[in-house]
Amino acid sequence: PNYVKDELRRVLPPTSVPANPLDLTGDATRERYNAALKVVQDVNATKVVVVESLPFISSAEVARSVSNFKGKGVVGVVMGMDEELAMRVLESAGVPGFYFPEDAVRAISLASLRPSPRRKIRTKQPIEAALELVKGKTSLRDFEALRLMEIYGIRTPKWGIAESEEEAVRVADQIGYPVVMKISPEEPVHKTELKGVALNVTKEQVAETYRRLSQITKRVLVQEQLTGLEIFIGGMRDPTFGHVVLIGPGGIYVDVLKMVSYGIAPIYEDEAYDMLKESKVLDMLKARRRGYDEHSLIRTLVTVSRMIVDLDVKELDLNPVFVNERGAFAADVRITFG
């Protein structure tokens, strides 16, 4: 601004031009540094001050001048014989200090790109049907968990429960082939570890598959066989941050790749989009231009973040969530409370 330039002309020597960058000249004193910083202290910009040894002032003395303007957007770059002492002066005053101008500019650039903190309003608004479903329970059986997803508008594959060979065939006929058949225990378990999952089951294989799975649990879950990208969505109640939602590559890759992004619940659509980018899920969705519905996954992630707050969920695993051109579908759900 012109008024700042006019003020600077009063404190600078005639040979110095009030421009960016501002040269205080080689005969600068501590008083000149103080005067120049006082003029620009309220300018809405970050001020990078090169703290170097000059004939009439040391780096440490410049650092002390800079320290007087903490909180005014000043950053120090120390260069000179006593740069270690100058850096300690800046650090003790809580002023950012760097040894190279390039590092200072890079740090300022990254800080400017950081989104502003968002206030999280954790107002519980649970759906009445969901409250009735989870009332008095520490966990949900798989079919109850699928029902909870549907109550909250989270899509699931077509599914049904069977407790006999005939019922399994009838449910599979209604869903359409091929189907997935899974054990349906009373408590949440890793079904694949118990060899309790059968994929691509044809009509001719339903009865035999039911007989095998029913040796583990009499109740068997029959689901539509889906294709698409497998995604993991999770939730947990953290002792420090409260409810947190997670997303990353699903299936077996959630433990192998460990590319998981965390968000403090509830999250908003723009935060969900950033989480997809951070976890590389967005890149996976867009690979080979398959037309997978990223917007459906964003809606699902946002809904999950609100649900875990509404119902005070302790832990939640949606793995896998199938994402394809039709949308996002939670195929397997484990949830605990308490």
Protein backbone atom coordinates (compact mmCIF):
# COMPACT_ATOMS: atom_id res chain seq x y z
CA PRO A 1 0.00 0.00 0.00
CA ASN A 2 1.14 3.56 -0.70
CA TYR A 3 0.80 4.66 2.92
CA VAL A 4 3.21 1.88 3.96
CA LYS A 5 5.71 2.96 1.30
CA ASP A 6 5.51 6.54 2.56
CA GLU A 7 6.20 5.39 6.12
CA LEU A 8 9.10 3.22 4.97
CA ARG A 9 10.72 6.15 3.15
CA ARG A 10 10.96 7.93 6.50
CA VAL A 11 12.99 5.10 8.09
CA LEU A 12 15.04 3.89 5.10
CA PRO A 13 18.23 5.49 3.77
CA PRO A 14 17.86 7.43 0.49
CA THR A 15 19.51 4.62 -1.47
CA SER A 16 16.85 2.07 -0.44
CA VAL A 17 13.60 1.74 -2.39
CA PRO A 18 10.44 0.69 -0.49
CA ALA A 19 9.62 -2.36 -2.60
CA ASN A 20 9.30 -6.12 -2.26
CA PRO A 21 11.84 -7.45 -1.34
CA LEU A 22 12.80 -4.67 1.04
CA ASP A 23 16.54 -3.97 1.26
CA LEU A 24 17.61 -2.31 4.53
CA THR A 25 21.17 -1.99 3.07
CA GLY A 26 24.43 -3.27 4.50
CA ASP A 27 24.75 -0.55 7.14
CA ALA A 28 21.44 -1.45 8.78
CA THR A 29 21.27 -1.24 12.56
CA ARG A 30 18.94 -2.88 15.04
CA GLU A 31 16.98 0.36 15.21
CA ARG A 32 16.41 0.28 11.43
CA TYR A 33 15.16 -3.32 11.60
CA ASN A 34 12.80 -2.40 14.43
CA ALA A 35 11.49 0.66 12.60
CA ALA A 36 10.91 -1.18 9.31
CA LEU A 37 9.18 -4.12 11.00
CA LYS A 38 6.98 -1.71 12.98
CA VAL A 39 5.82 -0.11 9.71
CA VAL A 40 4.95 -3.41 7.99
CA GLN A 41 3.76 -5.38 11.03
CA ASP A 42 0.05 -4.98 10.24
CA VAL A 43 0.35 -5.65 6.51
CA ASN A 44 -1.68 -8.78 5.69
CA ALA A 45 1.26 -10.84 4.44
CA THR A 46 4.00 -13.09 5.75
CA LYS A 47 7.25 -11.21 6.32
CA VAL A 48 10.38 -13.27 5.66
CA VAL A 49 13.28 -11.51 7.40
CA VAL A 50 16.76 -12.58 6.34
CA VAL A 51 18.70 -12.58 9.60
CA GLU A 52 22.37 -12.14 8.64
CA SER A 53 25.53 -10.72 10.16
CA LEU A 54 26.21 -7.14 9.02
CA PRO A 55 29.01 -4.70 9.87
CA PHE A 56 27.00 -3.02 12.62
CA ILE A 57 24.76 -5.86 13.82
CA SER A 58 24.98 -9.61 14.40
CA SER A 59 22.49 -12.30 13.38
CA ALA A 60 21.50 -12.78 17.01
CA GLU A 61 20.69 -9.07 17.38
CA VAL A 62 18.52 -9.14 14.24
CA ALA A 63 16.81 -12.25 15.62
CA ARG A 64 16.01 -10.37 18.83
CA SER A 65 14.42 -7.59 16.80
CA VAL A 66 12.36 -10.07 14.83
CA SER A 67 11.26 -11.76 18.07
CA ASN A 68 9.61 -8.52 19.17
CA PHE A 69 7.09 -8.96 16.37
CA LYS A 70 5.91 -12.47 17.18
CA GLY A 71 2.34 -13.00 15.99
CA LYS A 72 2.72 -10.44 13.18
CA GLY A 73 3.43 -12.98 10.47
CA VAL A 74 7.22 -12.83 10.69
CA VAL A 75 9.52 -15.69 9.71
CA GLY A 76 13.29 -15.60 10.18
CA VAL A 77 16.00 -16.96 7.89
CA VAL A 78 19.32 -17.04 9.75
CA MET A 79 22.60 -16.59 7.85
CA GLY A 80 25.92 -15.60 9.36
CA MET A 81 28.68 -16.43 11.80
CA ASP A 82 26.37 -16.71 14.82
CA GLU A 83 23.41 -18.35 13.07
CA GLU A 84 23.06 -21.09 15.71
CA LEU A 85 22.60 -18.50 18.43
CA ALA A 86 20.19 -16.55 16.23
CA MET A 87 18.13 -19.70 15.63
CA ARG A 88 17.93 -20.34 19.37
CA VAL A 89 16.72 -16.77 19.90
CA LEU A 90 13.94 -17.25 17.35
CA GLU A 91 12.95 -20.66 18.71
CA SER A 92 12.81 -19.43 22.31
CA ALA A 93 10.50 -16.61 21.20
CA GLY A 94 8.25 -18.97 19.21
CA VAL A 95 9.09 -17.39 15.85
CA PRO A 96 9.57 -19.81 12.91
CA GLY A 97 13.21 -19.98 11.85
CA PHE A 98 14.96 -21.54 8.86
CA TYR A 99 18.53 -21.80 7.56
CA PHE A 100 17.62 -21.37 3.89
CA PRO A 101 15.14 -18.97 2.20
CA GLU A 102 13.84 -21.79 -0.01
CA ASP A 103 12.78 -23.80 3.06
CA ALA A 104 11.00 -20.78 4.51
CA VAL A 105 9.07 -20.13 1.30
CA ARG A 106 8.17 -23.80 0.98
CA ALA A 107 6.85 -23.92 4.55
CA ILE A 108 4.81 -20.75 4.04
CA SER A 109 3.33 -22.20 0.84
CA LEU A 110 2.29 -25.41 2.57
CA ALA A 111 0.83 -23.52 5.53
CA SER A 112 -1.22 -21.32 3.21
CA LEU A 113 -2.71 -24.40 1.52
CA ARG A 114 -3.81 -25.94 4.81
CA PRO A 115 -7.59 -25.70 5.22
CA SER A 116 -8.93 -23.69 8.12
CA PRO A 117 -10.02 -25.78 11.13
CA ARG A 118 -13.70 -26.62 11.01
CA ARG A 119 -15.88 -26.67 14.07
CA LYS A 120 -17.50 -30.06 14.59
CA ILE A 121 -21.10 -29.95 15.77
CA ARG A 122 -21.86 -33.35 17.25
CA THR A 123 -25.61 -33.09 17.66
CA LYS A 124 -27.11 -36.56 17.83
CA GLN A 125 -30.16 -37.08 15.64
CA PRO A 126 -30.65 -40.86 15.61
CA ILE A 127 -33.39 -42.44 13.55
CA GLU A 128 -36.06 -44.02 15.75
CA ALA A 129 -35.97 -47.37 13.92
CA ALA A 130 -32.19 -47.50 14.36
CA LEU A 131 -32.48 -46.85 18.09
CA GLU A 132 -34.97 -49.70 18.43
CA LEU A 133 -32.66 -52.02 16.51
CA VAL A 134 -29.56 -51.36 18.65
CA LYS A 135 -31.29 -50.90 22.01
CA GLY A 136 -29.55 -52.87 24.78
CA LYS A 137 -27.04 -54.53 22.44
CA THR A 138 -23.24 -54.50 22.49
CA SER A 139 -23.03 -55.76 18.89
CA LEU A 140 -25.26 -56.56 15.93
CA ARG A 141 -25.55 -59.78 13.99
CA ASP A 142 -24.68 -59.45 10.32
CA PHE A 143 -28.27 -59.28 9.07
CA GLU A 144 -29.11 -56.72 11.77
CA ALA A 145 -26.12 -54.64 10.73
CA LEU A 146 -27.25 -54.77 7.09
CA ARG A 147 -30.70 -53.68 8.20
CA LEU A 148 -29.13 -50.75 10.09
CA MET A 149 -27.34 -49.68 6.91
CA GLU A 150 -30.63 -49.66 5.04
CA ILE A 151 -32.30 -47.61 7.77
CA TYR A 152 -29.63 -44.95 7.28
CA GLY A 153 -29.92 -45.06 3.51
CA ILE A 154 -26.63 -46.89 2.94
CA ARG A 155 -27.08 -49.28 0.04
CA THR A 156 -26.41 -53.01 0.46
CA PRO A 157 -26.41 -55.94 -1.97
CA LYS A 158 -29.69 -57.87 -2.15
CA TRP A 159 -29.66 -60.31 0.73
CA GLY A 160 -31.63 -62.83 2.73
CA ILE A 161 -31.27 -65.30 5.59
CA ALA A 162 -31.61 -69.08 5.29
CA GLU A 163 -31.78 -71.79 7.95
CA SER A 164 -32.38 -74.76 5.63
CA GLU A 165 -31.29 -75.96 2.20
CA GLU A 166 -34.73 -75.25 0.76
CA GLU A 167 -34.78 -71.74 2.17
CA ALA A 168 -31.28 -71.08 0.83
CA VAL A 169 -32.36 -72.09 -2.67
CA ARG A 170 -35.50 -69.96 -2.45
CA VAL A 171 -33.59 -66.88 -1.29
CA ALA A 172 -30.91 -67.35 -3.94
CA ASP A 173 -33.57 -67.70 -6.66
CA GLN A 174 -35.10 -64.41 -5.58
CA ILE A 175 -31.74 -62.62 -5.60
CA GLY A 176 -30.43 -64.02 -8.87
CA TYR A 177 -27.22 -65.86 -9.67
CA PRO A 178 -24.40 -66.05 -8.90
CA VAL A 179 -24.66 -65.38 -5.16
CA VAL A 180 -22.38 -65.11 -2.17
CA MET A 181 -23.08 -67.31 0.84
CA LYS A 182 -21.66 -66.57 4.30
CA ILE A 183 -21.94 -67.95 7.79
CA SER A 184 -24.14 -65.84 10.07
CA PRO A 185 -22.84 -66.08 13.65
CA GLU A 186 -24.29 -64.49 16.77
CA GLU A 187 -21.15 -62.40 17.36
CA PRO A 188 -19.04 -60.38 14.88
CA VAL A 189 -16.17 -62.51 13.48
CA HIS A 190 -13.79 -62.53 10.52
CA LYS A 191 -15.73 -64.94 8.36
CA THR A 192 -12.99 -65.59 5.81
CA GLU A 193 -10.63 -66.77 8.57
CA LEU A 194 -13.23 -69.40 9.51
CA LYS A 195 -13.63 -70.40 5.85
CA GLY A 196 -17.16 -69.17 6.13
CA VAL A 197 -17.52 -67.38 2.79
CA ALA A 198 -18.38 -68.91 -0.60
CA LEU A 199 -18.22 -66.73 -3.74
CA ASN A 200 -19.80 -67.12 -7.18
CA VAL A 201 -22.23 -69.78 -6.02
CA THR A 202 -24.42 -71.09 -8.87
CA LYS A 203 -27.93 -72.51 -8.55
CA GLU A 204 -26.58 -76.04 -8.64
CA GLN A 205 -24.16 -75.31 -5.79
CA VAL A 206 -26.51 -73.60 -3.33
CA ALA A 207 -27.71 -76.69 -1.42
CA GLU A 208 -24.25 -78.19 -1.13
CA THR A 209 -22.75 -74.86 -0.05
CA TYR A 210 -25.43 -74.43 2.59
CA ARG A 211 -24.70 -77.88 4.01
CA ARG A 212 -21.00 -77.03 4.34
CA LEU A 213 -21.53 -73.58 5.89
CA SER A 214 -24.28 -74.76 8.23
CA GLN A 215 -21.73 -76.97 9.97
CA ILE A 216 -20.22 -73.69 11.25
CA THR A 217 -23.46 -71.78 11.83
CA LYS A 218 -26.96 -73.01 11.11
CA ARG A 219 -27.99 -69.57 9.89
CA VAL A 220 -26.49 -68.61 6.51
CA LEU A 221 -26.52 -65.20 4.82
CA VAL A 222 -27.18 -65.23 1.07
CA GLN A 223 -26.17 -62.12 -0.88
CA GLU A 224 -26.08 -60.75 -4.38
CA GLN A 225 -22.64 -61.22 -5.98
CA LEU A 226 -21.25 -57.79 -6.83
CA THR A 227 -18.22 -56.65 -8.77
CA GLY A 228 -16.29 -53.39 -8.53
CA LEU A 229 -13.60 -51.77 -6.44
CA GLU A 230 -13.43 -52.99 -2.83
CA ILE A 231 -13.21 -50.16 -0.29
CA PHE A 232 -12.90 -50.16 3.49
CA ILE A 233 -14.91 -47.71 5.61
CA GLY A 234 -14.48 -47.78 9.35
CA GLY A 235 -15.46 -45.92 12.46
CA MET A 236 -14.23 -45.79 16.03
CA ARG A 237 -14.61 -43.87 19.26
CA ASP A 238 -11.18 -42.42 20.00
CA PRO A 239 -10.44 -41.44 23.63
CA THR A 240 -8.90 -38.13 22.49
CA PHE A 241 -10.78 -37.07 19.35
CA GLY A 242 -14.12 -38.76 19.92
CA HIS A 243 -15.77 -40.42 16.95
CA VAL A 244 -13.52 -40.83 13.92
CA VAL A 245 -14.32 -42.17 10.45
CA LEU A 246 -11.78 -43.97 8.23
CA ILE A 247 -11.50 -44.93 4.57
CA GLY A 248 -8.96 -46.85 2.50
CA PRO A 249 -8.55 -49.70 0.02
CA GLY A 250 -10.70 -52.63 1.10
CA GLY A 251 -10.65 -56.41 1.16
CA ILE A 252 -7.29 -57.85 2.19
CA TYR A 253 -5.54 -54.63 1.13
CA VAL A 254 -6.68 -52.65 4.17
CA ASP A 255 -4.04 -54.45 6.28
CA VAL A 256 -1.45 -54.77 3.50
CA LEU A 257 -1.35 -51.27 1.99
CA LYS A 258 -2.30 -49.32 5.14
CA MET A 259 -3.36 -46.31 3.02
CA VAL A 260 -6.06 -45.09 5.39
CA SER A 261 -7.35 -41.55 5.84
CA TYR A 262 -8.96 -40.37 9.09
CA GLY A 263 -11.62 -37.73 9.64
CA ILE A 264 -13.18 -36.38 12.83
CA ALA A 265 -16.89 -37.18 12.67
CA PRO A 266 -19.22 -35.91 11.48
CA ILE A 267 -17.58 -34.97 8.21
CA TYR A 268 -18.90 -32.96 5.27
CA GLU A 269 -18.79 -33.73 1.55
CA ASP A 270 -15.65 -31.69 0.87
CA GLU A 271 -13.85 -33.41 3.75
CA ALA A 272 -14.94 -36.81 2.44
CA TYR A 273 -13.58 -35.91 -1.00
CA ASP A 274 -10.23 -34.92 0.56
CA MET A 275 -10.15 -38.24 2.44
CA LEU A 276 -10.65 -40.12 -0.83
CA LYS A 277 -7.69 -38.24 -2.30
CA GLU A 278 -5.46 -38.73 0.74
CA SER A 279 -6.09 -42.49 0.88
CA LYS A 280 -5.56 -42.88 -2.91
CA VAL A 281 -9.09 -44.30 -3.17
CA LEU A 282 -10.02 -41.54 -5.63
CA ASP A 283 -7.14 -42.50 -7.91
CA MET A 284 -8.25 -46.14 -7.77
CA LEU A 285 -11.83 -45.19 -8.62
CA LYS A 286 -10.78 -43.13 -11.63
CA ALA A 287 -8.22 -45.62 -12.95
CA ARG A 288 -8.96 -46.94 -16.45
CA ARG A 289 -12.02 -44.67 -16.67
CA ARG A 290 -14.41 -47.36 -15.49
CA GLY A 291 -17.08 -44.85 -14.47
CA TYR A 292 -17.24 -45.93 -10.83
CA ASP A 293 -19.56 -43.73 -8.79
CA GLU A 294 -17.29 -41.71 -6.49
CA HIS A 295 -20.18 -39.44 -5.43
CA SER A 296 -22.08 -42.41 -4.03
CA LEU A 297 -19.03 -43.38 -1.98
CA ILE A 298 -18.72 -39.80 -0.67
CA ARG A 299 -22.37 -39.85 0.42
CA THR A 300 -21.85 -43.21 2.11
CA LEU A 301 -18.78 -41.97 4.01
CA VAL A 302 -20.61 -38.83 5.19
CA THR A 303 -23.62 -40.89 6.30
CA VAL A 304 -21.44 -43.34 8.21
CA SER A 305 -19.74 -40.44 10.00
CA ARG A 306 -23.12 -39.16 11.19
CA MET A 307 -24.42 -42.61 12.11
CA ILE A 308 -21.49 -43.43 14.42
CA VAL A 309 -22.16 -40.19 16.30
CA ASP A 310 -25.93 -40.72 16.41
CA LEU A 311 -25.63 -44.23 17.86
CA ASP A 312 -22.41 -43.76 19.90
CA VAL A 313 -20.72 -46.59 18.00
CA LYS A 314 -17.58 -48.06 19.56
CA GLU A 315 -16.20 -49.76 16.43
CA LEU A 316 -17.50 -50.16 12.89
CA ASP A 317 -16.07 -52.04 9.89
CA LEU A 318 -17.62 -51.92 6.44
CA ASN A 319 -15.36 -54.23 4.47
CA PRO A 320 -15.79 -54.56 1.67
CA VAL A 321 -17.84 -51.71 0.30
CA PHE A 322 -18.21 -52.44 -3.41
CA VAL A 323 -18.08 -49.36 -5.63
CA ASN A 324 -19.08 -49.66 -9.28
CA GLU A 325 -20.98 -47.67 -11.89
CA ARG A 326 -24.24 -48.34 -10.01
CA GLY A 327 -23.08 -46.88 -6.69
CA ALA A 328 -21.54 -47.94 -3.37
CA PHE A 329 -22.78 -51.07 -1.53
CA ALA A 330 -21.85 -52.22 1.98
CA ALA A 331 -21.44 -55.98 1.63
CA ASP A 332 -20.13 -56.90 5.06
CA VAL A 333 -20.69 -54.95 8.27
CA ARG A 334 -19.35 -55.44 11.79
CA ILE A 335 -20.45 -53.04 14.51
CA THR A 336 -20.07 -52.86 18.29
CA PHE A 337 -21.37 -50.53 21.01
CA GLY A 338 -20.55 -49.84 24.63
